[in-house]
Protein backbone atom coordinates (compact mmCIF):
# COMPACT_ATOMS: atom_id res chain seq x y z
CA MET A 1 57.96 149.84 76.33
CA ASN A 2 56.04 147.77 78.86
CA PHE A 3 55.59 144.01 78.76
CA ARG A 4 51.94 144.11 77.53
CA VAL A 5 52.80 146.22 74.49
CA LEU A 6 55.76 144.01 73.68
CA ALA A 7 53.63 140.85 74.05
CA ALA A 8 50.88 142.31 71.84
CA ARG A 9 53.40 143.23 69.12
CA PHE A 10 54.95 139.78 69.27
CA ALA A 11 51.52 138.10 69.01
CA LEU A 12 50.62 140.28 66.01
CA MET A 13 53.88 139.41 64.25
CA ALA A 14 53.36 135.69 64.97
CA VAL A 15 49.84 135.77 63.54
CA CYS A 16 51.05 137.58 60.42
CA ALA A 17 53.83 135.03 59.95
CA LEU A 18 51.39 132.13 60.33
CA MET A 19 48.96 133.67 57.84
CA THR A 20 51.63 133.89 55.18
CA SER A 21 52.82 130.33 55.76
CA VAL A 22 49.39 128.64 55.59
CA PRO A 23 48.73 126.96 52.24
CA ALA A 24 46.26 128.77 49.96
CA GLN A 25 43.80 125.87 50.13
CA ALA A 26 43.58 126.12 53.93
CA LYS A 27 43.05 129.90 53.79
CA SER A 28 39.93 129.47 51.66
CA ALA A 29 38.39 126.77 53.89
CA TYR A 30 35.21 127.75 55.71
CA LEU A 31 32.60 126.06 57.84
CA GLN A 32 30.05 124.12 55.83
CA CYS A 33 26.58 122.85 56.68
CA VAL A 34 27.51 119.15 56.81
CA PRO A 35 29.97 119.09 59.74
CA TYR A 36 27.85 121.58 61.65
CA ALA A 37 24.63 119.58 61.19
CA ARG A 38 26.41 116.38 62.15
CA GLN A 39 27.76 118.00 65.34
CA VAL A 40 24.52 119.56 66.59
CA SER A 41 22.06 116.84 65.52
CA GLY A 42 23.87 113.62 66.31
CA VAL A 43 23.15 112.28 62.80
CA LYS A 44 26.51 110.70 61.96
CA ILE A 45 26.45 110.84 58.17
CA HIS A 46 29.44 111.95 56.08
CA GLY A 47 29.67 113.30 52.55
CA ASN A 48 28.05 116.19 50.74
CA ALA A 49 24.62 117.31 51.94
CA TRP A 50 22.72 116.10 48.87
CA THR A 51 23.81 112.52 49.68
CA TRP A 52 22.48 112.48 53.24
CA TRP A 53 18.90 111.47 52.41
CA GLY A 54 20.01 108.35 50.56
CA GLN A 55 22.66 107.49 53.12
CA ALA A 56 20.11 107.74 55.95
CA ALA A 57 17.92 105.00 54.42
CA GLY A 58 18.13 101.96 56.67
CA ARG A 59 20.32 103.77 59.23
CA TYR A 60 18.01 106.47 60.54
CA GLU A 61 14.26 106.94 60.57
CA ARG A 62 13.14 109.42 57.90
CA GLY A 63 9.88 111.26 57.40
CA ASN A 64 7.96 114.38 56.40
CA THR A 65 7.20 115.69 59.89
CA PRO A 66 9.64 118.04 61.59
CA ARG A 67 10.92 117.12 65.06
CA ILE A 68 13.30 118.99 67.31
CA GLY A 69 16.83 117.75 66.61
CA ALA A 70 15.94 116.28 63.20
CA VAL A 71 17.95 117.17 60.13
CA MET A 72 16.08 118.84 57.27
CA SER A 73 17.59 117.45 54.06
CA PHE A 74 17.51 119.82 51.06
CA LYS A 75 17.68 118.42 47.54
CA LYS A 76 20.45 119.30 45.10
CA THR A 77 19.44 122.03 42.60
CA ALA A 78 21.19 124.24 40.06
CA LYS A 79 21.23 127.10 42.61
CA ASN A 80 22.20 124.74 45.43
CA PRO A 81 24.42 122.10 43.76
CA PHE A 82 25.62 120.46 46.99
CA GLY A 83 22.23 120.39 48.68
CA HIS A 84 21.97 121.56 52.27
CA VAL A 85 21.32 120.14 55.73
CA ALA A 86 20.00 122.01 58.76
CA MET A 87 18.86 120.98 62.22
CA VAL A 88 15.35 121.74 63.46
CA SER A 89 15.80 123.66 66.72
CA GLU A 90 12.14 124.55 67.37
CA ILE A 91 8.70 123.85 65.95
CA VAL A 92 6.64 127.03 65.67
CA SER A 93 3.57 125.63 63.91
CA ASP A 94 2.61 122.87 61.48
CA ARG A 95 4.06 124.98 58.64
CA GLU A 96 6.95 126.80 60.36
CA VAL A 97 10.10 125.71 62.17
CA LEU A 98 13.29 127.32 63.39
CA LEU A 99 16.56 125.97 62.00
CA SER A 100 20.15 126.04 63.13
CA HIS A 101 22.59 125.68 60.27
CA ALA A 102 25.86 126.83 58.73
CA ASN A 103 26.89 128.35 55.41
CA TRP A 104 23.50 129.67 54.28
CA SER A 105 23.25 133.48 54.48
CA ARG A 106 26.96 134.08 54.62
CA ARG A 107 29.89 131.91 53.65
CA GLY A 108 30.94 129.87 56.67
CA GLY A 109 28.50 131.62 59.03
CA ILE A 110 26.43 129.85 61.67
CA GLU A 111 22.79 130.85 62.13
CA ARG A 112 20.70 129.67 65.05
CA ASN A 113 16.91 129.64 65.29
CA VAL A 114 16.10 131.12 61.87
CA ARG A 115 12.70 130.71 60.21
CA ALA A 116 11.89 128.07 57.62
CA VAL A 117 8.37 127.96 56.22
CA ASP A 118 6.71 125.08 54.40
CA VAL A 119 5.45 126.53 51.10
CA SER A 120 4.54 123.20 49.48
CA ALA A 121 1.03 122.99 47.99
CA ALA A 122 0.30 119.79 49.94
CA GLY A 123 1.72 121.02 53.26
CA ASP A 124 4.14 118.08 53.33
CA TRP A 125 7.42 119.97 53.80
CA SER A 126 8.59 119.14 50.28
CA GLU A 127 9.39 122.81 49.54
CA VAL A 128 10.52 125.56 51.91
CA ARG A 129 11.58 129.18 52.09
CA VAL A 130 14.34 129.97 54.59
CA TRP A 131 15.31 133.15 56.42
CA PHE A 132 18.13 134.94 54.58
CA ALA A 133 20.20 137.47 56.56
CA PRO A 134 21.02 139.90 53.71
CA LEU A 135 17.27 140.41 53.17
CA GLY A 136 16.42 140.44 56.87
CA GLY A 137 13.57 137.98 56.26
CA LEU A 138 12.52 134.96 54.29
CA GLY A 139 14.50 134.53 51.12
CA THR A 140 12.88 135.00 47.73
CA SER A 141 13.69 131.46 46.57
CA SER A 142 11.94 128.20 47.44
CA TYR A 143 14.00 125.05 47.92
CA PRO A 144 12.92 121.41 47.45
CA VAL A 145 13.32 119.23 50.53
CA ASN A 146 13.69 115.44 50.76
CA GLY A 147 12.33 115.36 54.30
CA PHE A 148 13.66 114.95 57.82
CA ILE A 149 16.28 112.57 59.19
CA TYR A 150 15.65 111.68 62.83
CA ALA A 151 18.58 110.96 65.17
CA ASP A 152 18.03 108.54 68.04
CA GLY A 153 16.94 110.63 71.03
CA ALA A 154 17.16 113.92 69.13
CA GLU A 155 13.40 114.50 69.25
CA ASP A 156 13.59 115.13 73.01
CA ASP A 157 16.02 118.04 72.45
CA ALA A 158 19.07 116.09 73.64
CA PHE A 159 21.48 117.32 70.96
CA GLU A 160 24.86 118.72 71.99
CA ALA A 161 25.26 122.38 71.14
CA PRO A 162 28.65 124.04 70.69
CA GLN A 163 30.11 124.99 74.07
CA MET A 164 31.36 128.44 75.05
CA ALA A 165 34.38 128.60 77.33
CA LYS A 166 35.60 131.68 79.18
CA ALA A 167 39.32 132.31 78.76
CA ASP A 168 40.65 135.44 80.48
CA LYS A 169 37.62 137.67 79.78
CA VAL A 170 37.37 136.46 76.17
CA LEU A 171 34.63 134.03 75.11
CA VAL A 172 35.97 131.29 72.88
CA ALA A 173 33.67 128.97 70.93
CA ALA A 174 34.64 125.31 71.00
CA LEU A 175 33.20 123.35 68.10
CA GLU A 176 34.98 120.18 67.08
CA LEU A 177 34.13 119.47 63.45
CA ASP A 178 35.17 116.56 61.27
CA LEU A 179 35.80 118.03 57.81
CA SER A 180 37.57 114.96 56.41
CA ASP A 181 34.60 113.64 54.44
CA LEU A 182 33.86 116.71 52.31
CA LYS A 183 34.66 116.30 48.64
CA LEU A 184 34.85 118.96 45.98
CA GLU A 185 32.29 118.43 43.24
CA THR A 186 32.57 120.44 40.05
CA ALA A 187 29.82 118.92 37.88
CA VAL A 188 26.24 120.14 38.28
CA ASN A 189 23.40 117.91 37.15
């Protein structure tokens, strides 16, 4: 048996041992929209997504006009009890933007540059439909939006995107996320 085969078997056994020793709570953890939005937008707010709009008051400029780098703040609903936050990565038209966000189409997944369309009657971005991967297009549901939270300097596209590093012919994503502020909520209003 050569060294590479032996090393591969050892690595597989080590991974299996680690998987069985990790607490159940850590195994079920997955990337959420809040730490991802905070990382890519520069808006340094903690807590569940539905609280961001209120927390931004007095700290960040807020408004109803999308800007590149701004955070779109979704309201809490029965279907979306924790709300949602997503960063505007591109403005397509006055009623369409592209979003980068996490944990929308698939649990823990990151989506970059997906469509969000303003479907509000007044054209004020108070209600949107968002691209949903399982359908391969805009989702069938509309979601109420608080508005946009603007980070200092984010409107000139100066946000820091996750970095890719090359490690021995394998691309490894480096995304440092602070998950310490997330709290489990069980009650739905």
